[in-house]
Amino acid sequence: MFQLDSYELATLSDGSDGGAHSGERNLLVAVLRQAFADLAEYHGRADANSRTIYDAAAAWVFSPFATDTDDHLSFGRVCDLLDLDRSYIRRLARRMLGPGPAHLPRRAA
């Protein structure tokens, strides 16, 4: 299984420098890492629970609305607050998932 030990995400500051916003930064890093973990763990699984988790993570990262910065924990806002390039983070996610169809959430049958 893919581990978030890639240089790009593993080097995000965990806020351990004791900065004024270290707790908030830790939360944002954790949200982004969890989305990647959910994408990796539940990609390709067929059971309903796994699909629900995967679809939620995929919608958060890949949907066209994921660039909306009005929502405090939207993908776009998290990337902005962590000073990350959204397109680059999406490319990391696509590379992690491998070749294949679009990684957008699947529609219910």
C-alpha atoms as a PDB file:
ATOM      1  CA  MET A   1       0.000   0.000   0.000  1.00  0.00           C
ATOM      2  CA  PHE A   2       1.163   3.528  -0.743  1.00  0.00           C
ATOM      3  CA  GLN A   3       2.633   5.256   2.264  1.00  0.00           C
ATOM      4  CA  LEU A   4       2.800   8.997   2.620  1.00  0.00           C
ATOM      5  CA  ASP A   5       6.530   8.933   2.935  1.00  0.00           C
ATOM      6  CA  SER A   6       7.028  10.565  -0.430  1.00  0.00           C
ATOM      7  CA  TYR A   7       9.279  13.555  -0.073  1.00  0.00           C
ATOM      8  CA  GLU A   8       6.603  16.005  -1.181  1.00  0.00           C
ATOM      9  CA  LEU A   9       4.102  15.212   1.566  1.00  0.00           C
ATOM     10  CA  ALA A  10       6.335  13.800   4.255  1.00  0.00           C
ATOM     11  CA  THR A  11       8.303  17.031   4.426  1.00  0.00           C
ATOM     12  CA  LEU A  12       5.287  19.149   5.271  1.00  0.00           C
ATOM     13  CA  SER A  13       5.952  20.805   8.568  1.00  0.00           C
ATOM     14  CA  ASP A  14       4.089  19.172  11.404  1.00  0.00           C
ATOM     15  CA  GLY A  15       4.177  22.379  13.378  1.00  0.00           C
ATOM     16  CA  SER A  16       6.619  20.988  15.909  1.00  0.00           C
ATOM     17  CA  ASP A  17       8.581  24.217  15.771  1.00  0.00           C
ATOM     18  CA  GLY A  18       6.026  25.598  18.238  1.00  0.00           C
ATOM     19  CA  GLY A  19       4.860  28.354  15.918  1.00  0.00           C
ATOM     20  CA  ALA A  20       1.722  30.305  16.686  1.00  0.00           C
ATOM     21  CA  HIS A  21      -0.308  28.295  14.191  1.00  0.00           C
ATOM     22  CA  SER A  22       1.261  24.866  14.676  1.00  0.00           C
ATOM     23  CA  GLY A  23      -1.983  23.234  15.835  1.00  0.00           C
ATOM     24  CA  GLU A  24      -3.904  24.511  12.841  1.00  0.00           C
ATOM     25  CA  ARG A  25      -1.116  23.454  10.489  1.00  0.00           C
ATOM     26  CA  ASN A  26      -1.060  19.982  12.045  1.00  0.00           C
ATOM     27  CA  LEU A  27      -4.792  19.679  11.395  1.00  0.00           C
ATOM     28  CA  LEU A  28      -4.459  20.740   7.753  1.00  0.00           C
ATOM     29  CA  VAL A  29      -1.566  18.340   7.162  1.00  0.00           C
ATOM     30  CA  ALA A  30      -3.561  15.537   8.799  1.00  0.00           C
ATOM     31  CA  VAL A  31      -6.606  16.241   6.599  1.00  0.00           C
ATOM     32  CA  LEU A  32      -4.495  16.120   3.431  1.00  0.00           C
ATOM     33  CA  ARG A  33      -2.652  12.972   4.515  1.00  0.00           C
ATOM     34  CA  GLN A  34      -5.921  11.246   5.415  1.00  0.00           C
ATOM     35  CA  ALA A  35      -7.361  11.983   1.987  1.00  0.00           C
ATOM     36  CA  PHE A  36      -4.294  10.395   0.368  1.00  0.00           C
ATOM     37  CA  ALA A  37      -4.491   7.421   2.730  1.00  0.00           C
ATOM     38  CA  ASP A  38      -8.175   6.904   1.900  1.00  0.00           C
ATOM     39  CA  LEU A  39      -7.504   7.138  -1.834  1.00  0.00           C
ATOM     40  CA  ALA A  40      -4.703   4.584  -1.585  1.00  0.00           C
ATOM     41  CA  GLU A  41      -6.429   2.143   0.743  1.00  0.00           C
ATOM     42  CA  TYR A  42      -9.885   2.084  -0.841  1.00  0.00           C
ATOM     43  CA  HIS A  43      -9.009   2.483  -4.536  1.00  0.00           C
ATOM     44  CA  GLY A  44     -10.508  -0.370  -6.536  1.00  0.00           C
ATOM     45  CA  ARG A  45     -12.471  -1.938  -3.695  1.00  0.00           C
ATOM     46  CA  ALA A  46     -16.008  -2.989  -4.476  1.00  0.00           C
ATOM     47  CA  ASP A  47     -17.797  -3.062  -1.113  1.00  0.00           C
ATOM     48  CA  ALA A  48     -20.163  -0.184  -0.403  1.00  0.00           C
ATOM     49  CA  ASN A  49     -18.342   1.171   2.649  1.00  0.00           C
ATOM     50  CA  SER A  50     -14.983   1.272   0.846  1.00  0.00           C
ATOM     51  CA  ARG A  51     -16.561   2.931  -2.174  1.00  0.00           C
ATOM     52  CA  THR A  52     -18.159   5.583   0.033  1.00  0.00           C
ATOM     53  CA  ILE A  53     -14.831   6.409   1.678  1.00  0.00           C
ATOM     54  CA  TYR A  54     -12.945   6.412  -1.643  1.00  0.00           C
ATOM     55  CA  ASP A  55     -15.588   8.533  -3.353  1.00  0.00           C
ATOM     56  CA  ALA A  56     -15.529  11.120  -0.571  1.00  0.00           C
ATOM     57  CA  ALA A  57     -11.738  11.434  -0.756  1.00  0.00           C
ATOM     58  CA  ALA A  58     -11.757  11.516  -4.575  1.00  0.00           C
ATOM     59  CA  ALA A  59     -14.475  14.179  -4.613  1.00  0.00           C
ATOM     60  CA  TRP A  60     -12.507  16.282  -2.143  1.00  0.00           C
ATOM     61  CA  VAL A  61      -9.273  16.103  -4.155  1.00  0.00           C
ATOM     62  CA  PHE A  62     -10.406  15.832  -7.785  1.00  0.00           C
ATOM     63  CA  SER A  63     -13.770  17.510  -8.146  1.00  0.00           C
ATOM     64  CA  PRO A  64     -13.924  20.809 -10.036  1.00  0.00           C
ATOM     65  CA  PHE A  65     -15.293  22.370  -6.857  1.00  0.00           C
ATOM     66  CA  ALA A  66     -12.211  21.273  -4.913  1.00  0.00           C
ATOM     67  CA  THR A  67     -10.631  24.625  -5.745  1.00  0.00           C
ATOM     68  CA  ASP A  68     -13.297  26.521  -3.824  1.00  0.00           C
ATOM     69  CA  THR A  69     -11.605  28.425  -1.026  1.00  0.00           C
ATOM     70  CA  ASP A  70     -14.802  29.576   0.689  1.00  0.00           C
ATOM     71  CA  ASP A  71     -15.092  26.342   2.669  1.00  0.00           C
ATOM     72  CA  HIS A  72     -12.583  26.318   5.542  1.00  0.00           C
ATOM     73  CA  LEU A  73     -11.504  22.727   4.891  1.00  0.00           C
ATOM     74  CA  SER A  74     -11.899  22.574   1.110  1.00  0.00           C
ATOM     75  CA  PHE A  75      -9.026  21.054  -0.838  1.00  0.00           C
ATOM     76  CA  GLY A  76      -8.217  24.445  -2.338  1.00  0.00           C
ATOM     77  CA  ARG A  77      -8.162  26.191   1.018  1.00  0.00           C
ATOM     78  CA  VAL A  78      -6.019  23.489   2.642  1.00  0.00           C
ATOM     79  CA  CYS A  79      -3.497  23.700  -0.203  1.00  0.00           C
ATOM     80  CA  ASP A  80      -3.455  27.487  -0.032  1.00  0.00           C
ATOM     81  CA  LEU A  81      -2.923  27.544   3.730  1.00  0.00           C
ATOM     82  CA  LEU A  82      -0.105  24.992   3.440  1.00  0.00           C
ATOM     83  CA  ASP A  83       1.375  26.950   0.520  1.00  0.00           C
ATOM     84  CA  LEU A  84       1.026  23.965  -1.826  1.00  0.00           C
ATOM     85  CA  ASP A  85       0.298  23.971  -5.546  1.00  0.00           C
ATOM     86  CA  ARG A  86      -3.107  22.288  -5.959  1.00  0.00           C
ATOM     87  CA  SER A  87      -2.295  20.982  -9.428  1.00  0.00           C
ATOM     88  CA  TYR A  88       0.914  19.440  -8.184  1.00  0.00           C
ATOM     89  CA  ILE A  89      -0.824  17.721  -5.248  1.00  0.00           C
ATOM     90  CA  ARG A  90      -3.464  16.342  -7.629  1.00  0.00           C
ATOM     91  CA  ARG A  91      -0.711  15.013  -9.901  1.00  0.00           C
ATOM     92  CA  LEU A  92       0.805  13.238  -6.874  1.00  0.00           C
ATOM     93  CA  ALA A  93      -2.577  11.652  -6.160  1.00  0.00           C
ATOM     94  CA  ARG A  94      -3.027  10.538  -9.782  1.00  0.00           C
ATOM     95  CA  ARG A  95       0.491   9.113  -9.870  1.00  0.00           C
ATOM     96  CA  MET A  96      -0.174   7.243  -6.631  1.00  0.00           C
ATOM     97  CA  LEU A  97      -3.380   5.721  -8.062  1.00  0.00           C
ATOM     98  CA  GLY A  98      -1.724   4.730 -11.325  1.00  0.00           C
ATOM     99  CA  PRO A  99      -2.973   4.738 -14.891  1.00  0.00           C
ATOM    100  CA  GLY A 100      -6.608   4.251 -15.587  1.00  0.00           C
ATOM    101  CA  PRO A 101      -9.862   6.119 -15.916  1.00  0.00           C
ATOM    102  CA  ALA A 102     -10.509   9.397 -14.207  1.00  0.00           C
ATOM    103  CA  HIS A 103     -10.336   9.095 -10.449  1.00  0.00           C
ATOM    104  CA  LEU A 104     -13.529  10.997  -9.821  1.00  0.00           C
ATOM    105  CA  PRO A 105     -16.119   9.421  -7.564  1.00  0.00           C
ATOM    106  CA  ARG A 106     -18.104   6.598  -9.102  1.00  0.00           C
ATOM    107  CA  ARG A 107     -21.795   7.067  -9.639  1.00  0.00           C
ATOM    108  CA  ALA A 108     -24.175   4.888  -7.717  1.00  0.00           C
ATOM    109  CA  ALA A 109     -25.639   2.051  -9.759  1.00  0.00           C
END
